[in-house]
Amino acid sequence: MTKQLPPRLTVAEFLADSIAAVDKTQREISQECGFDNPNIITMFKQGHTKLPINRIAPLAKALDVDPVHLLRLVMLEYIPESWEAIENIMNSTVLTANELELVRAFREVTGGNDAHATVIDRSAVLAIVTA
């Protein structure tokens, strides 16, 4: 039986959740991001307006969320082919702070060897094979 992965949050859902979790008004958030009208925050979280790429970093800072994670959500939802092209050109993926921490832990556990990970059960277990 194949277990399905949870669906990825939309940008609007992520922003709504993040805004609800932060102890700031939408006016405060909009001011921190340089928006003249706090209604823009409502428009973002309802999905009526796309978040401009040049506002990702200030909004992520105002919401205390990882800017790379927000960038990835925005790119994958709004222009997925561009995100794929960027990662293909870089021959890499852009990591969030949490993902980078996992990579560093993986390297520590494997002694820096070029080990490969084997997914045994995507919902629970990641095995690291060093031999």
N, C-alpha and C. Protein backbone atom coordinates (compact mmCIF):
# COMPACT_ATOMS: atom_id res chain seq x y z
N MET A 1 0.84 -1.18 0.00
CA MET A 1 0.00 0.00 0.00
C MET A 1 0.89 1.24 0.00
N THR A 2 0.74 2.09 -0.99
CA THR A 2 1.55 3.29 -1.12
C THR A 2 0.90 4.42 -0.33
N LYS A 3 1.70 5.03 0.51
CA LYS A 3 1.21 6.14 1.32
C LYS A 3 1.42 7.43 0.54
N GLN A 4 0.38 8.25 0.47
CA GLN A 4 0.49 9.51 -0.26
C GLN A 4 1.16 10.56 0.61
N LEU A 5 1.95 11.40 -0.04
CA LEU A 5 2.59 12.51 0.66
C LEU A 5 1.56 13.60 0.91
N PRO A 6 1.74 14.36 1.98
CA PRO A 6 0.80 15.45 2.22
C PRO A 6 0.89 16.49 1.11
N PRO A 7 -0.20 17.14 0.77
CA PRO A 7 -0.15 18.16 -0.28
C PRO A 7 0.68 19.35 0.18
N ARG A 8 1.35 19.98 -0.76
CA ARG A 8 2.13 21.18 -0.45
C ARG A 8 1.17 22.33 -0.19
N LEU A 9 1.47 23.13 0.83
CA LEU A 9 0.67 24.31 1.10
C LEU A 9 0.78 25.30 -0.05
N THR A 10 -0.30 25.98 -0.31
CA THR A 10 -0.23 27.07 -1.27
C THR A 10 0.46 28.26 -0.59
N VAL A 11 0.88 29.21 -1.38
CA VAL A 11 1.48 30.43 -0.82
C VAL A 11 0.47 31.10 0.10
N ALA A 12 -0.77 31.21 -0.33
CA ALA A 12 -1.81 31.85 0.48
C ALA A 12 -2.00 31.12 1.81
N GLU A 13 -2.06 29.79 1.77
CA GLU A 13 -2.23 29.02 3.01
C GLU A 13 -1.04 29.21 3.95
N PHE A 14 0.16 29.15 3.37
CA PHE A 14 1.37 29.33 4.18
C PHE A 14 1.37 30.71 4.83
N LEU A 15 1.05 31.74 4.05
CA LEU A 15 1.04 33.10 4.59
C LEU A 15 -0.05 33.26 5.65
N ALA A 16 -1.23 32.71 5.41
CA ALA A 16 -2.31 32.81 6.40
C ALA A 16 -1.89 32.16 7.72
N ASP A 17 -1.29 30.97 7.63
CA ASP A 17 -0.82 30.27 8.83
C ASP A 17 0.28 31.06 9.53
N SER A 18 1.22 31.59 8.76
CA SER A 18 2.35 32.32 9.33
C SER A 18 1.91 33.63 9.96
N ILE A 19 0.97 34.31 9.33
CA ILE A 19 0.45 35.56 9.87
C ILE A 19 -0.31 35.30 11.16
N ALA A 20 -1.07 34.22 11.19
CA ALA A 20 -1.81 33.87 12.41
C ALA A 20 -0.87 33.52 13.56
N ALA A 21 0.31 32.99 13.23
CA ALA A 21 1.26 32.54 14.26
C ALA A 21 2.12 33.66 14.82
N VAL A 22 2.21 34.78 14.12
CA VAL A 22 3.08 35.87 14.55
C VAL A 22 2.26 36.88 15.36
N ASP A 23 2.90 37.47 16.35
CA ASP A 23 2.22 38.43 17.22
C ASP A 23 2.36 39.85 16.68
N LYS A 24 1.82 40.05 15.47
CA LYS A 24 1.86 41.36 14.81
C LYS A 24 0.55 41.58 14.09
N THR A 25 0.19 42.83 13.95
CA THR A 25 -0.99 43.16 13.15
C THR A 25 -0.58 43.16 11.68
N GLN A 26 -1.59 43.08 10.82
CA GLN A 26 -1.29 43.15 9.38
C GLN A 26 -0.73 44.52 9.03
N ARG A 27 -1.12 45.54 9.75
CA ARG A 27 -0.57 46.88 9.53
C ARG A 27 0.93 46.88 9.84
N GLU A 28 1.31 46.27 10.96
CA GLU A 28 2.72 46.20 11.33
C GLU A 28 3.52 45.41 10.30
N ILE A 29 2.95 44.29 9.86
CA ILE A 29 3.62 43.46 8.86
C ILE A 29 3.80 44.25 7.57
N SER A 30 2.74 44.91 7.13
CA SER A 30 2.82 45.66 5.87
C SER A 30 3.84 46.79 5.97
N GLN A 31 3.89 47.46 7.11
CA GLN A 31 4.87 48.53 7.30
C GLN A 31 6.30 48.00 7.26
N GLU A 32 6.53 46.85 7.91
CA GLU A 32 7.87 46.25 7.90
C GLU A 32 8.31 45.87 6.50
N CYS A 33 7.35 45.56 5.65
CA CYS A 33 7.66 45.13 4.28
C CYS A 33 7.66 46.28 3.28
N GLY A 34 7.30 47.46 3.73
CA GLY A 34 7.29 48.61 2.84
C GLY A 34 6.05 48.75 1.99
N PHE A 35 4.96 48.09 2.38
CA PHE A 35 3.70 48.24 1.66
C PHE A 35 2.94 49.43 2.23
N ASP A 36 2.35 50.24 1.37
CA ASP A 36 1.60 51.41 1.82
C ASP A 36 0.26 51.03 2.43
N ASN A 37 -0.35 49.97 1.90
CA ASN A 37 -1.69 49.59 2.31
C ASN A 37 -1.67 48.22 2.98
N PRO A 38 -2.11 48.11 4.25
CA PRO A 38 -2.11 46.81 4.93
C PRO A 38 -3.07 45.80 4.31
N ASN A 39 -4.01 46.26 3.49
CA ASN A 39 -4.94 45.32 2.83
C ASN A 39 -4.22 44.36 1.90
N ILE A 40 -3.02 44.73 1.46
CA ILE A 40 -2.26 43.83 0.57
C ILE A 40 -1.95 42.51 1.26
N ILE A 41 -1.75 42.56 2.58
CA ILE A 41 -1.46 41.34 3.34
C ILE A 41 -2.67 40.40 3.28
N THR A 42 -3.86 40.97 3.44
CA THR A 42 -5.09 40.17 3.32
C THR A 42 -5.20 39.57 1.92
N MET A 43 -4.87 40.37 0.91
CA MET A 43 -4.95 39.89 -0.47
C MET A 43 -3.97 38.74 -0.71
N PHE A 44 -2.77 38.80 -0.11
CA PHE A 44 -1.80 37.70 -0.23
C PHE A 44 -2.34 36.44 0.42
N LYS A 45 -2.81 36.59 1.66
CA LYS A 45 -3.21 35.39 2.41
C LYS A 45 -4.52 34.78 1.89
N GLN A 46 -5.29 35.54 1.13
CA GLN A 46 -6.49 34.99 0.50
C GLN A 46 -6.22 34.50 -0.92
N GLY A 47 -5.00 34.71 -1.40
CA GLY A 47 -4.64 34.25 -2.73
C GLY A 47 -5.17 35.14 -3.85
N HIS A 48 -5.63 36.35 -3.54
CA HIS A 48 -6.15 37.26 -4.56
C HIS A 48 -5.04 38.00 -5.29
N THR A 49 -3.87 38.11 -4.65
CA THR A 49 -2.74 38.80 -5.23
C THR A 49 -1.49 37.95 -5.01
N LYS A 50 -0.67 37.87 -6.04
CA LYS A 50 0.59 37.12 -5.91
C LYS A 50 1.61 37.95 -5.15
N LEU A 51 2.39 37.28 -4.34
CA LEU A 51 3.46 37.93 -3.59
C LEU A 51 4.60 38.24 -4.56
N PRO A 52 4.98 39.51 -4.71
CA PRO A 52 6.10 39.83 -5.60
C PRO A 52 7.41 39.22 -5.07
N ILE A 53 8.21 38.70 -5.97
CA ILE A 53 9.45 38.04 -5.57
C ILE A 53 10.34 38.98 -4.78
N ASN A 54 10.36 40.25 -5.14
CA ASN A 54 11.24 41.18 -4.44
C ASN A 54 10.75 41.53 -3.04
N ARG A 55 9.59 41.02 -2.65
CA ARG A 55 9.07 41.26 -1.30
C ARG A 55 9.14 40.01 -0.43
N ILE A 56 9.68 38.92 -0.96
CA ILE A 56 9.75 37.68 -0.19
C ILE A 56 10.63 37.84 1.04
N ALA A 57 11.83 38.38 0.88
CA ALA A 57 12.76 38.50 2.02
C ALA A 57 12.19 39.38 3.13
N PRO A 58 11.68 40.59 2.84
CA PRO A 58 11.14 41.39 3.93
C PRO A 58 9.92 40.75 4.60
N LEU A 59 9.07 40.09 3.81
CA LEU A 59 7.89 39.45 4.39
C LEU A 59 8.31 38.26 5.25
N ALA A 60 9.26 37.48 4.77
CA ALA A 60 9.75 36.34 5.55
C ALA A 60 10.33 36.83 6.88
N LYS A 61 11.07 37.92 6.83
CA LYS A 61 11.65 38.47 8.06
C LYS A 61 10.54 38.94 9.01
N ALA A 62 9.55 39.64 8.48
CA ALA A 62 8.44 40.13 9.30
C ALA A 62 7.66 38.99 9.95
N LEU A 63 7.58 37.86 9.24
CA LEU A 63 6.81 36.71 9.74
C LEU A 63 7.69 35.70 10.47
N ASP A 64 8.99 35.95 10.48
CA ASP A 64 9.95 35.04 11.12
C ASP A 64 9.86 33.63 10.53
N VAL A 65 9.86 33.58 9.19
CA VAL A 65 9.86 32.30 8.48
C VAL A 65 11.10 32.24 7.59
N ASP A 66 11.46 31.06 7.17
CA ASP A 66 12.64 30.88 6.32
C ASP A 66 12.36 31.47 4.94
N PRO A 67 13.17 32.45 4.52
CA PRO A 67 12.93 33.08 3.22
C PRO A 67 13.10 32.12 2.05
N VAL A 68 13.97 31.14 2.19
CA VAL A 68 14.16 30.17 1.10
C VAL A 68 12.91 29.31 0.95
N HIS A 69 12.32 28.93 2.07
CA HIS A 69 11.08 28.14 2.01
C HIS A 69 9.98 28.94 1.32
N LEU A 70 9.84 30.21 1.69
CA LEU A 70 8.82 31.05 1.06
C LEU A 70 9.13 31.25 -0.42
N LEU A 71 10.39 31.48 -0.74
CA LEU A 71 10.79 31.61 -2.15
C LEU A 71 10.41 30.36 -2.93
N ARG A 72 10.72 29.20 -2.39
CA ARG A 72 10.40 27.94 -3.07
C ARG A 72 8.90 27.81 -3.29
N LEU A 73 8.10 28.11 -2.26
CA LEU A 73 6.65 28.02 -2.42
C LEU A 73 6.16 28.96 -3.52
N VAL A 74 6.65 30.19 -3.51
CA VAL A 74 6.26 31.18 -4.52
C VAL A 74 6.64 30.71 -5.91
N MET A 75 7.87 30.30 -6.08
CA MET A 75 8.35 29.89 -7.40
C MET A 75 7.60 28.66 -7.91
N LEU A 76 7.42 27.66 -7.04
CA LEU A 76 6.75 26.43 -7.47
C LEU A 76 5.28 26.67 -7.81
N GLU A 77 4.66 27.63 -7.14
CA GLU A 77 3.26 27.90 -7.42
C GLU A 77 3.09 28.84 -8.62
N TYR A 78 3.89 29.89 -8.68
CA TYR A 78 3.69 30.91 -9.70
C TYR A 78 4.41 30.61 -11.01
N ILE A 79 5.66 30.17 -10.91
CA ILE A 79 6.46 29.92 -12.13
C ILE A 79 7.33 28.67 -11.94
N PRO A 80 6.69 27.51 -11.87
CA PRO A 80 7.43 26.28 -11.57
C PRO A 80 8.51 25.96 -12.60
N GLU A 81 8.28 26.29 -13.88
CA GLU A 81 9.28 25.98 -14.90
C GLU A 81 10.54 26.81 -14.68
N SER A 82 10.40 28.01 -14.17
CA SER A 82 11.58 28.84 -13.89
C SER A 82 12.36 28.27 -12.71
N TRP A 83 11.66 27.81 -11.68
CA TRP A 83 12.33 27.21 -10.52
C TRP A 83 13.10 25.95 -10.95
N GLU A 84 12.47 25.14 -11.77
CA GLU A 84 13.13 23.93 -12.27
C GLU A 84 14.36 24.30 -13.09
N ALA A 85 14.25 25.31 -13.92
CA ALA A 85 15.38 25.74 -14.75
C ALA A 85 16.53 26.25 -13.86
N ILE A 86 16.21 27.01 -12.83
CA ILE A 86 17.25 27.51 -11.92
C ILE A 86 17.98 26.35 -11.26
N GLU A 87 17.23 25.39 -10.75
CA GLU A 87 17.87 24.25 -10.09
C GLU A 87 18.67 23.42 -11.08
N ASN A 88 18.18 23.29 -12.32
CA ASN A 88 18.92 22.55 -13.34
C ASN A 88 20.22 23.27 -13.71
N ILE A 89 20.15 24.58 -13.87
CA ILE A 89 21.35 25.35 -14.19
C ILE A 89 22.38 25.25 -13.06
N MET A 90 21.89 25.32 -11.83
CA MET A 90 22.78 25.24 -10.68
C MET A 90 23.27 23.81 -10.43
N ASN A 91 22.59 22.85 -11.05
CA ASN A 91 22.87 21.44 -10.79
C ASN A 91 22.80 21.16 -9.30
N SER A 92 21.81 21.78 -8.67
CA SER A 92 21.66 21.69 -7.23
C SER A 92 20.25 22.14 -6.87
N THR A 93 19.98 22.13 -5.59
CA THR A 93 18.73 22.67 -5.09
C THR A 93 19.04 23.70 -4.02
N VAL A 94 18.18 24.65 -3.88
CA VAL A 94 18.35 25.68 -2.86
C VAL A 94 17.77 25.13 -1.57
N LEU A 95 18.57 25.15 -0.51
CA LEU A 95 18.16 24.56 0.76
C LEU A 95 17.67 25.59 1.76
N THR A 96 16.64 25.23 2.50
CA THR A 96 16.21 26.05 3.63
C THR A 96 17.21 25.83 4.76
N ALA A 97 17.11 26.64 5.79
CA ALA A 97 18.00 26.48 6.95
C ALA A 97 17.82 25.10 7.58
N ASN A 98 16.59 24.62 7.67
CA ASN A 98 16.35 23.29 8.25
C ASN A 98 16.93 22.18 7.37
N GLU A 99 16.79 22.33 6.06
CA GLU A 99 17.35 21.32 5.15
C GLU A 99 18.87 21.31 5.23
N LEU A 100 19.46 22.48 5.31
CA LEU A 100 20.91 22.57 5.43
C LEU A 100 21.38 21.90 6.72
N GLU A 101 20.64 22.07 7.78
CA GLU A 101 20.96 21.41 9.04
C GLU A 101 20.93 19.89 8.88
N LEU A 102 19.96 19.38 8.13
CA LEU A 102 19.89 17.94 7.87
C LEU A 102 21.10 17.46 7.06
N VAL A 103 21.50 18.23 6.07
CA VAL A 103 22.67 17.87 5.25
C VAL A 103 23.91 17.81 6.14
N ARG A 104 24.07 18.81 6.98
CA ARG A 104 25.25 18.83 7.87
C ARG A 104 25.23 17.66 8.84
N ALA A 105 24.05 17.32 9.37
CA ALA A 105 23.94 16.17 10.27
C ALA A 105 24.25 14.88 9.52
N PHE A 106 23.76 14.79 8.28
CA PHE A 106 24.03 13.62 7.44
C PHE A 106 25.53 13.45 7.25
N ARG A 107 26.22 14.54 6.94
CA ARG A 107 27.67 14.48 6.74
C ARG A 107 28.39 14.09 8.02
N GLU A 108 27.90 14.58 9.14
CA GLU A 108 28.52 14.23 10.42
C GLU A 108 28.34 12.74 10.71
N VAL A 109 27.13 12.25 10.50
CA VAL A 109 26.84 10.84 10.76
C VAL A 109 27.65 9.93 9.85
N THR A 110 27.86 10.35 8.61
CA THR A 110 28.57 9.50 7.65
C THR A 110 30.07 9.75 7.64
N GLY A 111 30.54 10.61 8.52
CA GLY A 111 31.96 10.92 8.56
C GLY A 111 32.43 11.66 7.32
N GLY A 112 31.52 12.33 6.65
CA GLY A 112 31.87 13.08 5.45
C GLY A 112 32.07 12.22 4.23
N ASN A 113 31.78 10.93 4.33
CA ASN A 113 31.90 10.04 3.18
C ASN A 113 30.73 10.26 2.22
N ASP A 114 30.88 9.83 1.03
CA ASP A 114 29.84 10.00 0.03
C ASP A 114 28.80 8.88 0.15
N ALA A 115 28.14 8.85 1.30
CA ALA A 115 27.13 7.81 1.55
C ALA A 115 25.85 8.18 0.83
N HIS A 116 25.01 7.18 0.64
CA HIS A 116 23.70 7.47 0.03
C HIS A 116 22.60 7.11 1.02
N ALA A 117 21.50 7.82 0.91
CA ALA A 117 20.36 7.59 1.78
C ALA A 117 19.40 6.65 1.08
N THR A 118 18.79 5.76 1.83
CA THR A 118 17.80 4.85 1.29
C THR A 118 16.49 5.10 2.00
N VAL A 119 15.46 5.41 1.26
CA VAL A 119 14.16 5.63 1.86
C VAL A 119 13.48 4.27 2.03
N ILE A 120 13.25 3.92 3.27
CA ILE A 120 12.60 2.64 3.58
C ILE A 120 11.09 2.86 3.68
N ASP A 121 10.70 3.86 4.40
CA ASP A 121 9.30 4.22 4.56
C ASP A 121 9.25 5.74 4.59
N ARG A 122 8.82 6.33 3.51
CA ARG A 122 8.88 7.80 3.35
C ARG A 122 8.24 8.53 4.52
N SER A 123 7.30 7.92 5.19
CA SER A 123 6.62 8.61 6.28
C SER A 123 7.37 8.52 7.60
N ALA A 124 8.40 7.65 7.68
CA ALA A 124 8.99 7.47 9.00
C ALA A 124 10.50 7.30 9.05
N VAL A 125 11.10 6.60 8.10
CA VAL A 125 12.47 6.17 8.28
C VAL A 125 13.35 6.57 7.10
N LEU A 126 14.51 7.09 7.42
CA LEU A 126 15.53 7.36 6.42
C LEU A 126 16.77 6.62 6.88
N ALA A 127 17.24 5.69 6.08
CA ALA A 127 18.43 4.93 6.45
C ALA A 127 19.63 5.54 5.74
N ILE A 128 20.74 5.61 6.45
CA ILE A 128 21.98 6.12 5.88
C ILE A 128 22.92 4.93 5.70
N VAL A 129 23.31 4.71 4.46
CA VAL A 129 24.17 3.58 4.14
C VAL A 129 25.57 4.11 3.90
N THR A 130 26.52 3.67 4.72
CA THR A 130 27.89 4.20 4.60
C THR A 130 28.83 3.24 3.91
N ALA A 131 28.41 2.06 3.64
CA ALA A 131 29.31 1.10 3.00
C ALA A 131 29.09 1.02 1.52
